Amino acid sequence: MEKKENVKKIGKVTLRPSPLALKVALTLLIVFSMGALTALRWVHLNLRQEISDMRQEAAAIETENEKLQDQIGALGSVNSIEDIAEEELGLVDPHTVLIDPIGSAE
């Protein structure tokens, strides 16, 4: 008897050249993708710079806010009110004696 062997036949793979339109389309797709990635990278870097600038601005505003809060707290004191009255309004304490030098009235 004849022995039958289980032999799988593997087909021959042949590659045929792709059409020119497919090559052009793939090349354009690759070039477009590279351009899009470059644009996205540029936008990303600009956004990071803006975020950094805004964080610095926020820190400066926070510092100014703290100074203003300190000034608001100090405005309620008697000394602060007296200083403002003297400097901005030209008022003096009623218990203060003003001496007018001779000749200043001219």
PDB file of N, CA and C in Angstrom:
ATOM      1  N   MET A   1       0.806  -1.175   0.000  1.00  0.00           N
ATOM      2  CA  MET A   1       0.000   0.000   0.000  1.00  0.00           C
ATOM      3  C   MET A   1       0.857   1.250   0.000  1.00  0.00           C
ATOM      4  N   GLU A   2       0.245   2.120  -0.494  1.00  0.00           N
ATOM      5  CA  GLU A   2       0.921   3.379  -0.627  1.00  0.00           C
ATOM      6  C   GLU A   2       0.603   4.263   0.574  1.00  0.00           C
ATOM      7  N   LYS A   3       1.598   4.848   1.084  1.00  0.00           N
ATOM      8  CA  LYS A   3       1.424   5.738   2.228  1.00  0.00           C
ATOM      9  C   LYS A   3       1.023   7.124   1.739  1.00  0.00           C
ATOM     10  N   LYS A   4      -0.046   7.601   2.346  1.00  0.00           N
ATOM     11  CA  LYS A   4      -0.440   8.968   2.011  1.00  0.00           C
ATOM     12  C   LYS A   4       0.113   9.898   3.067  1.00  0.00           C
ATOM     13  N   GLU A   5       0.772  10.837   2.618  1.00  0.00           N
ATOM     14  CA  GLU A   5       1.300  11.827   3.544  1.00  0.00           C
ATOM     15  C   GLU A   5       0.430  13.071   3.496  1.00  0.00           C
ATOM     16  N   ASN A   6       0.216  13.593   4.680  1.00  0.00           N
ATOM     17  CA  ASN A   6      -0.540  14.845   4.732  1.00  0.00           C
ATOM     18  C   ASN A   6       0.418  16.006   4.489  1.00  0.00           C
ATOM     19  N   VAL A   7       0.402  16.446   3.334  1.00  0.00           N
ATOM     20  CA  VAL A   7       1.279  17.529   2.941  1.00  0.00           C
ATOM     21  C   VAL A   7       0.408  18.714   2.547  1.00  0.00           C
ATOM     22  N   LYS A   8       0.674  19.818   3.194  1.00  0.00           N
ATOM     23  CA  LYS A   8      -0.056  21.023   2.842  1.00  0.00           C
ATOM     24  C   LYS A   8       0.727  21.745   1.766  1.00  0.00           C
ATOM     25  N   LYS A   9       0.034  22.132   0.809  1.00  0.00           N
ATOM     26  CA  LYS A   9       0.684  22.874  -0.253  1.00  0.00           C
ATOM     27  C   LYS A   9       0.600  24.362   0.070  1.00  0.00           C
ATOM     28  N   ILE A  10       1.715  24.956   0.082  1.00  0.00           N
ATOM     29  CA  ILE A  10       1.785  26.375   0.344  1.00  0.00           C
ATOM     30  C   ILE A  10       1.855  27.068  -1.004  1.00  0.00           C
ATOM     31  N   GLY A  11       0.923  28.009  -1.156  1.00  0.00           N
ATOM     32  CA  GLY A  11       0.874  28.715  -2.437  1.00  0.00           C
ATOM     33  C   GLY A  11       2.017  29.695  -2.566  1.00  0.00           C
ATOM     34  N   LYS A  12       2.303  29.965  -3.757  1.00  0.00           N
ATOM     35  CA  LYS A  12       3.385  30.893  -4.039  1.00  0.00           C
ATOM     36  C   LYS A  12       2.856  32.331  -3.915  1.00  0.00           C
ATOM     37  N   VAL A  13       3.596  33.154  -3.171  1.00  0.00           N
ATOM     38  CA  VAL A  13       3.211  34.543  -2.983  1.00  0.00           C
ATOM     39  C   VAL A  13       3.927  35.373  -4.046  1.00  0.00           C
ATOM     40  N   THR A  14       3.135  36.095  -4.754  1.00  0.00           N
ATOM     41  CA  THR A  14       3.737  36.970  -5.762  1.00  0.00           C
ATOM     42  C   THR A  14       3.309  38.402  -5.452  1.00  0.00           C
ATOM     43  N   LEU A  15       4.241  39.256  -5.506  1.00  0.00           N
ATOM     44  CA  LEU A  15       3.967  40.666  -5.286  1.00  0.00           C
ATOM     45  C   LEU A  15       3.941  41.359  -6.622  1.00  0.00           C
ATOM     46  N   ARG A  16       2.917  42.140  -6.804  1.00  0.00           N
ATOM     47  CA  ARG A  16       2.855  42.885  -8.044  1.00  0.00           C
ATOM     48  C   ARG A  16       3.035  44.362  -7.719  1.00  0.00           C
ATOM     49  N   PRO A  17       3.553  45.134  -8.605  1.00  0.00           N
ATOM     50  CA  PRO A  17       3.802  46.551  -8.336  1.00  0.00           C
ATOM     51  C   PRO A  17       2.482  47.284  -8.099  1.00  0.00           C
ATOM     52  N   SER A  18       2.550  48.220  -7.144  1.00  0.00           N
ATOM     53  CA  SER A  18       1.341  48.980  -6.821  1.00  0.00           C
ATOM     54  C   SER A  18       1.147  50.091  -7.850  1.00  0.00           C
ATOM     55  N   PRO A  19      -0.085  50.503  -7.992  1.00  0.00           N
ATOM     56  CA  PRO A  19      -0.337  51.566  -8.967  1.00  0.00           C
ATOM     57  C   PRO A  19       0.265  52.900  -8.506  1.00  0.00           C
ATOM     58  N   LEU A  20       0.558  53.750  -9.446  1.00  0.00           N
ATOM     59  CA  LEU A  20       1.178  55.038  -9.165  1.00  0.00           C
ATOM     60  C   LEU A  20       0.283  55.903  -8.271  1.00  0.00           C
ATOM     61  N   ALA A  21      -1.007  55.835  -8.478  1.00  0.00           N
ATOM     62  CA  ALA A  21      -1.939  56.641  -7.682  1.00  0.00           C
ATOM     63  C   ALA A  21      -1.847  56.273  -6.200  1.00  0.00           C
ATOM     64  N   LEU A  22      -1.688  55.008  -5.894  1.00  0.00           N
ATOM     65  CA  LEU A  22      -1.564  54.564  -4.504  1.00  0.00           C
ATOM     66  C   LEU A  22      -0.268  55.081  -3.901  1.00  0.00           C
ATOM     67  N   LYS A  23       0.809  55.041  -4.651  1.00  0.00           N
ATOM     68  CA  LYS A  23       2.086  55.557  -4.159  1.00  0.00           C
ATOM     69  C   LYS A  23       1.989  57.049  -3.868  1.00  0.00           C
ATOM     70  N   VAL A  24       1.387  57.803  -4.766  1.00  0.00           N
ATOM     71  CA  VAL A  24       1.237  59.246  -4.584  1.00  0.00           C
ATOM     72  C   VAL A  24       0.353  59.533  -3.368  1.00  0.00           C
ATOM     73  N   ALA A  25      -0.744  58.781  -3.241  1.00  0.00           N
ATOM     74  CA  ALA A  25      -1.657  58.992  -2.122  1.00  0.00           C
ATOM     75  C   ALA A  25      -0.966  58.711  -0.790  1.00  0.00           C
ATOM     76  N   LEU A  26      -0.200  57.637  -0.706  1.00  0.00           N
ATOM     77  CA  LEU A  26       0.516  57.319   0.532  1.00  0.00           C
ATOM     78  C   LEU A  26       1.582  58.358   0.848  1.00  0.00           C
ATOM     79  N   THR A  27       2.277  58.833  -0.167  1.00  0.00           N
ATOM     80  CA  THR A  27       3.288  59.864   0.044  1.00  0.00           C
ATOM     81  C   THR A  27       2.652  61.149   0.556  1.00  0.00           C
ATOM     82  N   LEU A  28       1.537  61.547  -0.047  1.00  0.00           N
ATOM     83  CA  LEU A  28       0.836  62.747   0.403  1.00  0.00           C
ATOM     84  C   LEU A  28       0.309  62.581   1.829  1.00  0.00           C
ATOM     85  N   LEU A  29      -0.187  61.414   2.137  1.00  0.00           N
ATOM     86  CA  LEU A  29      -0.683  61.145   3.483  1.00  0.00           C
ATOM     87  C   LEU A  29       0.437  61.252   4.519  1.00  0.00           C
ATOM     88  N   ILE A  30       1.600  60.746   4.202  1.00  0.00           N
ATOM     89  CA  ILE A  30       2.748  60.818   5.119  1.00  0.00           C
ATOM     90  C   ILE A  30       3.194  62.267   5.298  1.00  0.00           C
ATOM     91  N   VAL A  31       3.285  63.010   4.191  1.00  0.00           N
ATOM     92  CA  VAL A  31       3.706  64.415   4.265  1.00  0.00           C
ATOM     93  C   VAL A  31       2.683  65.229   5.060  1.00  0.00           C
ATOM     94  N   PHE A  32       1.407  65.018   4.809  1.00  0.00           N
ATOM     95  CA  PHE A  32       0.357  65.726   5.542  1.00  0.00           C
ATOM     96  C   PHE A  32       0.418  65.390   7.036  1.00  0.00           C
ATOM     97  N   SER A  33       0.623  64.138   7.366  1.00  0.00           N
ATOM     98  CA  SER A  33       0.702  63.722   8.768  1.00  0.00           C
ATOM     99  C   SER A  33       1.883  64.386   9.475  1.00  0.00           C
ATOM    100  N   MET A  34       3.020  64.446   8.799  1.00  0.00           N
ATOM    101  CA  MET A  34       4.187  65.095   9.398  1.00  0.00           C
ATOM    102  C   MET A  34       3.921  66.587   9.617  1.00  0.00           C
ATOM    103  N   GLY A  35       3.282  67.239   8.663  1.00  0.00           N
ATOM    104  CA  GLY A  35       2.937  68.648   8.810  1.00  0.00           C
ATOM    105  C   GLY A  35       1.964  68.873   9.956  1.00  0.00           C
ATOM    106  N   ALA A  36       0.972  67.999  10.079  1.00  0.00           N
ATOM    107  CA  ALA A  36      -0.005  68.126  11.161  1.00  0.00           C
ATOM    108  C   ALA A  36       0.662  67.923  12.518  1.00  0.00           C
ATOM    109  N   LEU A  37       1.562  66.954  12.619  1.00  0.00           N
ATOM    110  CA  LEU A  37       2.259  66.722  13.889  1.00  0.00           C
ATOM    111  C   LEU A  37       3.154  67.902  14.253  1.00  0.00           C
ATOM    112  N   THR A  38       3.789  68.496  13.249  1.00  0.00           N
ATOM    113  CA  THR A  38       4.628  69.665  13.498  1.00  0.00           C
ATOM    114  C   THR A  38       3.775  70.835  13.992  1.00  0.00           C
ATOM    115  N   ALA A  39       2.618  71.045  13.371  1.00  0.00           N
ATOM    116  CA  ALA A  39       1.721  72.126  13.787  1.00  0.00           C
ATOM    117  C   ALA A  39       1.221  71.887  15.211  1.00  0.00           C
ATOM    118  N   LEU A  40       0.859  70.671  15.535  1.00  0.00           N
ATOM    119  CA  LEU A  40       0.394  70.354  16.885  1.00  0.00           C
ATOM    120  C   LEU A  40       1.489  70.582  17.923  1.00  0.00           C
ATOM    121  N   ARG A  41       2.701  70.230  17.581  1.00  0.00           N
ATOM    122  CA  ARG A  41       3.825  70.448  18.499  1.00  0.00           C
ATOM    123  C   ARG A  41       4.027  71.938  18.751  1.00  0.00           C
ATOM    124  N   TRP A  42       3.928  72.740  17.686  1.00  0.00           N
ATOM    125  CA  TRP A  42       4.090  74.187  17.803  1.00  0.00           C
ATOM    126  C   TRP A  42       2.996  74.771  18.699  1.00  0.00           C
ATOM    127  N   VAL A  43       1.750  74.342  18.493  1.00  0.00           N
ATOM    128  CA  VAL A  43       0.636  74.819  19.313  1.00  0.00           C
ATOM    129  C   VAL A  43       0.853  74.404  20.771  1.00  0.00           C
ATOM    130  N   HIS A  44       1.285  73.186  20.980  1.00  0.00           N
ATOM    131  CA  HIS A  44       1.527  72.685  22.344  1.00  0.00           C
ATOM    132  C   HIS A  44       2.579  73.527  23.058  1.00  0.00           C
ATOM    133  N   LEU A  45       3.667  73.836  22.379  1.00  0.00           N
ATOM    134  CA  LEU A  45       4.717  74.649  22.986  1.00  0.00           C
ATOM    135  C   LEU A  45       4.218  76.052  23.308  1.00  0.00           C
ATOM    136  N   ASN A  46       3.430  76.638  22.409  1.00  0.00           N
ATOM    137  CA  ASN A  46       2.890  77.978  22.660  1.00  0.00           C
ATOM    138  C   ASN A  46       1.943  77.966  23.854  1.00  0.00           C
ATOM    139  N   LEU A  47       1.127  76.940  23.970  1.00  0.00           N
ATOM    140  CA  LEU A  47       0.206  76.847  25.104  1.00  0.00           C
ATOM    141  C   LEU A  47       0.964  76.687  26.417  1.00  0.00           C
ATOM    142  N   ARG A  48       2.020  75.908  26.401  1.00  0.00           N
ATOM    143  CA  ARG A  48       2.824  75.752  27.622  1.00  0.00           C
ATOM    144  C   ARG A  48       3.446  77.079  28.037  1.00  0.00           C
ATOM    145  N   GLN A  49       3.905  77.866  27.057  1.00  0.00           N
ATOM    146  CA  GLN A  49       4.487  79.173  27.358  1.00  0.00           C
ATOM    147  C   GLN A  49       3.429  80.107  27.933  1.00  0.00           C
ATOM    148  N   GLU A  50       2.235  80.097  27.352  1.00  0.00           N
ATOM    149  CA  GLU A  50       1.153  80.937  27.865  1.00  0.00           C
ATOM    150  C   GLU A  50       0.779  80.537  29.288  1.00  0.00           C
ATOM    151  N   ILE A  51       0.737  79.249  29.561  1.00  0.00           N
ATOM    152  CA  ILE A  51       0.419  78.774  30.907  1.00  0.00           C
ATOM    153  C   ILE A  51       1.481  79.245  31.888  1.00  0.00           C
ATOM    154  N   SER A  52       2.737  79.162  31.498  1.00  0.00           N
ATOM    155  CA  SER A  52       3.823  79.622  32.356  1.00  0.00           C
ATOM    156  C   SER A  52       3.707  81.115  32.633  1.00  0.00           C
ATOM    157  N   ASP A  53       3.418  81.897  31.588  1.00  0.00           N
ATOM    158  CA  ASP A  53       3.258  83.345  31.756  1.00  0.00           C
ATOM    159  C   ASP A  53       2.091  83.663  32.682  1.00  0.00           C
ATOM    160  N   MET A  54       0.994  82.950  32.507  1.00  0.00           N
ATOM    161  CA  MET A  54      -0.182  83.194  33.342  1.00  0.00           C
ATOM    162  C   MET A  54       0.057  82.810  34.797  1.00  0.00           C
ATOM    163  N   ARG A  55       0.820  81.766  35.021  1.00  0.00           N
ATOM    164  CA  ARG A  55       1.142  81.389  36.403  1.00  0.00           C
ATOM    165  C   ARG A  55       1.998  82.467  37.067  1.00  0.00           C
ATOM    166  N   GLN A  56       2.950  83.024  36.326  1.00  0.00           N
ATOM    167  CA  GLN A  56       3.771  84.103  36.878  1.00  0.00           C
ATOM    168  C   GLN A  56       2.918  85.336  37.164  1.00  0.00           C
ATOM    169  N   GLU A  57       2.009  85.649  36.260  1.00  0.00           N
ATOM    170  CA  GLU A  57       1.125  86.792  36.461  1.00  0.00           C
ATOM    171  C   GLU A  57       0.216  86.559  37.672  1.00  0.00           C
ATOM    172  N   ALA A  58      -0.283  85.337  37.818  1.00  0.00           N
ATOM    173  CA  ALA A  58      -1.138  85.021  38.960  1.00  0.00           C
ATOM    174  C   ALA A  58      -0.368  85.158  40.271  1.00  0.00           C
ATOM    175  N   ALA A  59       0.895  84.746  40.279  1.00  0.00           N
ATOM    176  CA  ALA A  59       1.714  84.878  41.488  1.00  0.00           C
ATOM    177  C   ALA A  59       1.933  86.349  41.824  1.00  0.00           C
ATOM    178  N   ALA A  60       2.177  87.178  40.809  1.00  0.00           N
ATOM    179  CA  ALA A  60       2.372  88.613  41.043  1.00  0.00           C
ATOM    180  C   ALA A  60       1.089  89.252  41.573  1.00  0.00           C
ATOM    181  N   ILE A  61      -0.041  88.865  41.022  1.00  0.00           N
ATOM    182  CA  ILE A  61      -1.325  89.399  41.476  1.00  0.00           C
ATOM    183  C   ILE A  61      -1.608  88.956  42.909  1.00  0.00           C
ATOM    184  N   GLU A  62      -1.274  87.722  43.223  1.00  0.00           N
ATOM    185  CA  GLU A  62      -1.464  87.217  44.590  1.00  0.00           C
ATOM    186  C   GLU A  62      -0.618  88.010  45.581  1.00  0.00           C
ATOM    187  N   THR A  63       0.618  88.304  45.219  1.00  0.00           N
ATOM    188  CA  THR A  63       1.492  89.105  46.086  1.00  0.00           C
ATOM    189  C   THR A  63       0.911  90.506  46.286  1.00  0.00           C
ATOM    190  N   GLU A  64       0.446  91.111  45.200  1.00  0.00           N
ATOM    191  CA  GLU A  64      -0.154  92.444  45.300  1.00  0.00           C
ATOM    192  C   GLU A  64      -1.425  92.394  46.153  1.00  0.00           C
ATOM    193  N   ASN A  65      -2.203  91.334  46.008  1.00  0.00           N
ATOM    194  CA  ASN A  65      -3.420  91.176  46.793  1.00  0.00           C
ATOM    195  C   ASN A  65      -3.103  91.092  48.288  1.00  0.00           C
ATOM    196  N   GLU A  66      -2.047  90.363  48.632  1.00  0.00           N
ATOM    197  CA  GLU A  66      -1.655  90.260  50.036  1.00  0.00           C
ATOM    198  C   GLU A  66      -1.242  91.625  50.593  1.00  0.00           C
ATOM    199  N   LYS A  67      -0.506  92.410  49.793  1.00  0.00           N
ATOM    200  CA  LYS A  67      -0.104  93.747  50.230  1.00  0.00           C
ATOM    201  C   LYS A  67      -1.328  94.630  50.459  1.00  0.00           C
ATOM    202  N   LEU A  68      -2.292  94.552  49.529  1.00  0.00           N
ATOM    203  CA  LEU A  68      -3.496  95.355  49.665  1.00  0.00           C
ATOM    204  C   LEU A  68      -4.316  94.930  50.885  1.00  0.00           C
ATOM    205  N   GLN A  69      -4.349  93.621  51.163  1.00  0.00           N
ATOM    206  CA  GLN A  69      -5.059  93.144  52.353  1.00  0.00           C
ATOM    207  C   GLN A  69      -4.402  93.696  53.617  1.00  0.00           C
ATOM    208  N   ASP A  70      -3.081  93.744  53.626  1.00  0.00           N
ATOM    209  CA  ASP A  70      -2.367  94.320  54.777  1.00  0.00           C
ATOM    210  C   ASP A  70      -2.704  95.803  54.917  1.00  0.00           C
ATOM    211  N   GLN A  71      -2.767  96.519  53.798  1.00  0.00           N
ATOM    212  CA  GLN A  71      -3.104  97.940  53.845  1.00  0.00           C
ATOM    213  C   GLN A  71      -4.533  98.147  54.345  1.00  0.00           C
ATOM    214  N   ILE A  72      -5.443  97.308  53.920  1.00  0.00           N
ATOM    215  CA  ILE A  72      -6.831  97.408  54.379  1.00  0.00           C
ATOM    216  C   ILE A  72      -6.897  97.188  55.882  1.00  0.00           C
ATOM    217  N   GLY A  73      -6.135  96.215  56.362  1.00  0.00           N
ATOM    218  CA  GLY A  73      -6.104  95.955  57.803  1.00  0.00           C
ATOM    219  C   GLY A  73      -5.534  97.124  58.583  1.00  0.00           C
ATOM    220  N   ALA A  74      -4.567  97.813  57.995  1.00  0.00           N
ATOM    221  CA  ALA A  74      -3.927  98.929  58.692  1.00  0.00           C
ATOM    222  C   ALA A  74      -4.758 100.202  58.634  1.00  0.00           C
ATOM    223  N   LEU A  75      -5.658 100.317  57.672  1.00  0.00           N
ATOM    224  CA  LEU A  75      -6.436 101.546  57.523  1.00  0.00           C
ATOM    225  C   LEU A  75      -7.360 101.807  58.714  1.00  0.00           C
ATOM    226  N   GLY A  76      -7.748 100.796  59.418  1.00  0.00           N
ATOM    227  CA  GLY A  76      -8.657 100.970  60.545  1.00  0.00           C
ATOM    228  C   GLY A  76      -7.982 101.497  61.791  1.00  0.00           C
ATOM    229  N   SER A  77      -6.662 101.531  61.814  1.00  0.00           N
ATOM    230  CA  SER A  77      -5.976 101.973  63.028  1.00  0.00           C
ATOM    231  C   SER A  77      -6.017 103.496  63.139  1.00  0.00           C
ATOM    232  N   VAL A  78      -5.931 103.982  64.354  1.00  0.00           N
ATOM    233  CA  VAL A  78      -5.971 105.422  64.619  1.00  0.00           C
ATOM    234  C   VAL A  78      -4.781 106.119  63.979  1.00  0.00           C
ATOM    235  N   ASN A  79      -3.612 105.538  64.092  1.00  0.00           N
ATOM    236  CA  ASN A  79      -2.410 106.142  63.506  1.00  0.00           C
ATOM    237  C   ASN A  79      -2.545 106.289  61.998  1.00  0.00           C
ATOM    238  N   SER A  80      -3.105 105.286  61.367  1.00  0.00           N
ATOM    239  CA  SER A  80      -3.272 105.330  59.918  1.00  0.00           C
ATOM    240  C   SER A  80      -4.241 106.430  59.521  1.00  0.00           C
ATOM    241  N   ILE A  81      -5.335 106.582  60.266  1.00  0.00           N
ATOM    242  CA  ILE A  81      -6.311 107.624  59.967  1.00  0.00           C
ATOM    243  C   ILE A  81      -5.692 109.004  60.163  1.00  0.00           C
ATOM    244  N   GLU A  82      -4.920 109.163  61.218  1.00  0.00           N
ATOM    245  CA  GLU A  82      -4.246 110.450  61.454  1.00  0.00           C
ATOM    246  C   GLU A  82      -3.258 110.760  60.335  1.00  0.00           C
ATOM    247  N   ASP A  83      -2.494 109.762  59.899  1.00  0.00           N
ATOM    248  CA  ASP A  83      -1.525 109.978  58.816  1.00  0.00           C
ATOM    249  C   ASP A  83      -2.223 110.402  57.530  1.00  0.00           C
ATOM    250  N   ILE A  84      -3.324 109.752  57.205  1.00  0.00           N
ATOM    251  CA  ILE A  84      -4.060 110.108  55.983  1.00  0.00           C
ATOM    252  C   ILE A  84      -4.616 111.522  56.104  1.00  0.00           C
ATOM    253  N   ALA A  85      -5.174 111.860  57.267  1.00  0.00           N
ATOM    254  CA  ALA A  85      -5.733 113.205  57.465  1.00  0.00           C
ATOM    255  C   ALA A  85      -4.659 114.270  57.317  1.00  0.00           C
ATOM    256  N   GLU A  86      -3.470 114.011  57.836  1.00  0.00           N
ATOM    257  CA  GLU A  86      -2.389 114.994  57.748  1.00  0.00           C
ATOM    258  C   GLU A  86      -1.830 115.100  56.336  1.00  0.00           C
ATOM    259  N   GLU A  87      -1.540 113.962  55.712  1.00  0.00           N
ATOM    260  CA  GLU A  87      -0.859 113.962  54.421  1.00  0.00           C
ATOM    261  C   GLU A  87      -1.777 114.349  53.267  1.00  0.00           C
ATOM    262  N   GLU A  88      -2.976 113.782  53.240  1.00  0.00           N
ATOM    263  CA  GLU A  88      -3.837 113.991  52.086  1.00  0.00           C
ATOM    264  C   GLU A  88      -4.797 115.168  52.254  1.00  0.00           C
ATOM    265  N   LEU A  89      -5.231 115.413  53.485  1.00  0.00           N
ATOM    266  CA  LEU A  89      -6.225 116.462  53.694  1.00  0.00           C
ATOM    267  C   LEU A  89      -5.651 117.730  54.319  1.00  0.00           C
ATOM    268  N   GLY A  90      -4.425 117.669  54.782  1.00  0.00           N
ATOM    269  CA  GLY A  90      -3.783 118.830  55.379  1.00  0.00           C
ATOM    270  C   GLY A  90      -4.312 119.169  56.768  1.00  0.00           C
ATOM    271  N   LEU A  91      -4.955 118.235  57.415  1.00  0.00           N
ATOM    272  CA  LEU A  91      -5.490 118.460  58.753  1.00  0.00           C
ATOM    273  C   LEU A  91      -4.420 118.178  59.800  1.00  0.00           C
ATOM    274  N   VAL A  92      -4.602 118.770  60.987  1.00  0.00           N
ATOM    275  CA  VAL A  92      -3.665 118.513  62.084  1.00  0.00           C
ATOM    276  C   VAL A  92      -4.458 118.174  63.340  1.00  0.00           C
ATOM    277  N   ASP A  93      -3.788 117.549  64.252  1.00  0.00           N
ATOM    278  CA  ASP A  93      -4.391 117.196  65.538  1.00  0.00           C
ATOM    279  C   ASP A  93      -4.732 118.489  66.282  1.00  0.00           C
ATOM    280  N   PRO A  94      -5.928 118.559  66.902  1.00  0.00           N
ATOM    281  CA  PRO A  94      -6.291 119.802  67.593  1.00  0.00           C
ATOM    282  C   PRO A  94      -5.348 120.150  68.745  1.00  0.00           C
ATOM    283  N   HIS A  95      -4.624 119.211  69.252  1.00  0.00           N
ATOM    284  CA  HIS A  95      -3.706 119.459  70.363  1.00  0.00           C
ATOM    285  C   HIS A  95      -2.312 119.865  69.881  1.00  0.00           C
ATOM    286  N   THR A  96      -2.141 119.974  68.565  1.00  0.00           N
ATOM    287  CA  THR A  96      -0.847 120.346  68.005  1.00  0.00           C
ATOM    288  C   THR A  96      -0.760 121.865  67.898  1.00  0.00           C
ATOM    289  N   VAL A  97       0.384 122.391  68.268  1.00  0.00           N
ATOM    290  CA  VAL A  97       0.615 123.825  68.164  1.00  0.00           C
ATOM    291  C   VAL A  97       1.437 124.070  66.901  1.00  0.00           C
ATOM    292  N   LEU A  98       0.892 124.903  66.027  1.00  0.00           N
ATOM    293  CA  LEU A  98       1.618 125.236  64.799  1.00  0.00           C
ATOM    294  C   LEU A  98       2.331 126.550  64.985  1.00  0.00           C
ATOM    295  N   ILE A  99       3.566 126.585  64.594  1.00  0.00           N
ATOM    296  CA  ILE A  99       4.366 127.802  64.697  1.00  0.00           C
ATOM    297  C   ILE A  99       4.599 128.296  63.286  1.00  0.00           C
ATOM    298  N   ASP A 100       4.170 129.495  63.030  1.00  0.00           N
ATOM    299  CA  ASP A 100       4.316 130.091  61.713  1.00  0.00           C
ATOM    300  C   ASP A 100       5.558 130.957  61.734  1.00  0.00           C
ATOM    301  N   PRO A 101       6.586 130.576  60.989  1.00  0.00           N
ATOM    302  CA  PRO A 101       7.810 131.383  61.000  1.00  0.00           C
ATOM    303  C   PRO A 101       7.550 132.786  60.452  1.00  0.00           C
ATOM    304  N   ILE A 102       8.352 133.751  60.918  1.00  0.00           N
ATOM    305  CA  ILE A 102       8.199 135.145  60.490  1.00  0.00           C
ATOM    306  C   ILE A 102       8.517 135.242  59.014  1.00  0.00           C
ATOM    307  N   GLY A 103       7.673 135.918  58.334  1.00  0.00           N
ATOM    308  CA  GLY A 103       7.922 136.155  56.923  1.00  0.00           C
ATOM    309  C   GLY A 103       7.311 135.098  56.014  1.00  0.00           C
ATOM    310  N   SER A 104       6.730 134.059  56.536  1.00  0.00           N
ATOM    311  CA  SER A 104       6.144 133.044  55.657  1.00  0.00           C
ATOM    312  C   SER A 104       4.786 133.481  55.136  1.00  0.00           C
ATOM    313  N   ALA A 105       4.176 134.491  55.734  1.00  0.00           N
ATOM    314  CA  ALA A 105       2.871 134.964  55.294  1.00  0.00           C
ATOM    315  C   ALA A 105       2.969 135.780  54.024  1.00  0.00           C
ATOM    316  N   GLU A 106       4.125 136.172  53.629  1.00  0.00           N
ATOM    317  CA  GLU A 106       4.301 137.010  52.430  1.00  0.00           C
ATOM    318  C   GLU A 106       4.090 136.246  51.185  1.00  0.00           C
TER     319      GLU A 106
END
